[in-house]
């Protein structure tokens, strides 16, 4: 699902919202998650998962084209850990109320 598909779906499920308002909602949610991660905070969405930032140490890497050794600096990378309910739904372990999601 792309961002635009998410916006369309949100607008379809909420006919009282204009599509532009649905877009604002999605943009705001993504922006707030991004701001929190930039501030090194953790974002937890119960039942869905948690976003956090992990530190990667500097290391010596290799250019795959040339085989040349290159120095890779330390960096911060986003990390997502799936929530328990999401894990259960993806693995067919959902409760009886979620039967419509089973394949």
Protein backbone atom coordinates (compact mmCIF):
# COMPACT_ATOMS: atom_id res chain seq x y z
CA UNK A 1 0.00 0.00 0.00
CA UNK A 2 1.35 3.40 -0.94
CA UNK A 3 0.80 6.64 0.92
CA UNK A 4 -1.73 7.80 -1.68
CA UNK A 5 -3.62 4.50 -1.39
CA UNK A 6 -3.70 4.92 2.39
CA UNK A 7 -5.12 8.43 1.99
CA UNK A 8 -7.79 7.20 -0.42
CA UNK A 9 -8.75 4.34 1.91
CA UNK A 10 -8.97 6.69 4.89
CA UNK A 11 -11.21 9.03 2.89
CA UNK A 12 -13.40 6.09 1.75
CA UNK A 13 -13.86 4.80 5.29
CA UNK A 14 -14.67 8.30 6.57
CA UNK A 15 -17.06 9.90 4.06
CA UNK A 16 -17.38 12.98 6.28
CA UNK A 17 -13.71 13.82 5.53
CA UNK A 18 -12.53 15.53 2.40
CA UNK A 19 -9.62 13.79 0.72
CA UNK A 20 -7.44 16.83 1.50
CA UNK A 21 -8.23 16.39 5.21
CA UNK A 22 -7.35 12.69 5.04
CA UNK A 23 -4.05 13.67 3.42
CA UNK A 24 -3.38 16.17 6.22
CA UNK A 25 -4.04 13.49 8.83
CA UNK A 26 -1.66 10.99 7.21
CA UNK A 27 1.02 13.68 6.70
CA UNK A 28 0.70 14.79 10.32
CA UNK A 29 1.04 11.25 11.68
CA UNK A 30 4.13 10.57 9.55
CA UNK A 31 5.65 13.95 10.44
CA UNK A 32 5.17 13.38 14.18
CA UNK A 33 6.73 9.91 13.97
CA UNK A 34 9.67 11.40 12.04
CA UNK A 35 10.13 14.22 14.57
CA UNK A 36 10.08 11.79 17.49
CA UNK A 37 12.66 9.52 15.85
CA UNK A 38 14.86 12.52 15.02
CA UNK A 39 14.74 13.39 18.74
CA UNK A 40 15.83 9.80 19.48
CA UNK A 41 12.43 8.97 21.02
CA UNK A 42 10.53 5.71 20.65
CA UNK A 43 7.10 5.65 18.99
CA UNK A 44 4.80 2.82 20.04
CA UNK A 45 1.50 2.08 18.32
CA UNK A 46 -0.17 -0.64 20.39
CA UNK A 47 -1.12 -3.68 18.37
CA UNK A 48 0.88 -2.43 15.38
CA UNK A 49 4.48 -2.05 16.49
CA UNK A 50 7.18 0.30 17.72
CA UNK A 51 9.57 2.58 15.87
CA UNK A 52 12.94 3.40 17.39
CA UNK A 53 16.42 4.51 16.35
CA UNK A 54 19.45 2.24 16.50
CA UNK A 55 23.09 3.29 16.35
CA UNK A 56 25.38 1.59 13.86
CA UNK A 57 29.09 1.73 14.61
CA UNK A 58 31.67 2.90 12.12
CA UNK A 59 33.13 0.00 10.15
CA UNK A 60 35.24 -0.93 7.20
CA UNK A 61 33.13 -1.90 4.20
CA UNK A 62 33.77 -2.97 0.65
CA UNK A 63 32.61 -1.42 -2.61
CA UNK A 64 30.74 -4.29 -4.34
CA UNK A 65 31.66 -3.07 -7.84
CA UNK A 66 35.37 -2.54 -7.39
CA UNK A 67 36.14 -4.57 -4.28
CA UNK A 68 37.85 -1.48 -2.87
CA UNK A 69 37.86 -1.09 0.93
CA UNK A 70 35.91 1.95 2.14
CA UNK A 71 35.37 3.47 5.57
CA UNK A 72 31.69 3.63 6.59
CA UNK A 73 30.92 6.24 9.26
CA UNK A 74 28.69 5.59 12.27
CA UNK A 75 25.04 6.37 11.67
CA UNK A 76 21.58 6.27 13.18
CA UNK A 77 19.00 4.09 11.43
CA UNK A 78 15.26 3.65 11.97
CA UNK A 79 14.14 0.31 13.37
CA UNK A 80 10.65 -1.20 13.49
CA UNK A 81 9.59 -3.99 15.82
CA UNK A 82 6.25 -5.59 14.99
CA UNK A 83 3.58 -5.64 17.70
CA UNK A 84 2.11 -8.83 19.13
CA UNK A 85 -1.34 -8.40 17.53
CA UNK A 86 0.17 -7.64 14.14
CA UNK A 87 2.43 -10.68 14.41
CA UNK A 88 -0.53 -12.88 15.26
CA UNK A 89 -2.60 -11.55 12.33
CA UNK A 90 0.25 -12.07 9.87
CA UNK A 91 0.79 -15.62 11.07
CA UNK A 92 -2.85 -16.72 11.16
CA UNK A 93 -3.05 -16.71 14.94
CA UNK A 94 -5.70 -13.98 15.14
CA UNK A 95 -8.57 -14.30 17.58
CA UNK A 96 -12.01 -15.37 16.36
CA UNK A 97 -13.02 -11.72 15.87
CA UNK A 98 -10.41 -11.35 13.12
CA UNK A 99 -11.41 -14.38 10.99
CA UNK A 100 -11.93 -12.17 7.94
CA UNK A 101 -8.18 -11.53 7.83
CA UNK A 102 -7.19 -15.21 7.67
CA UNK A 103 -6.15 -16.79 4.36
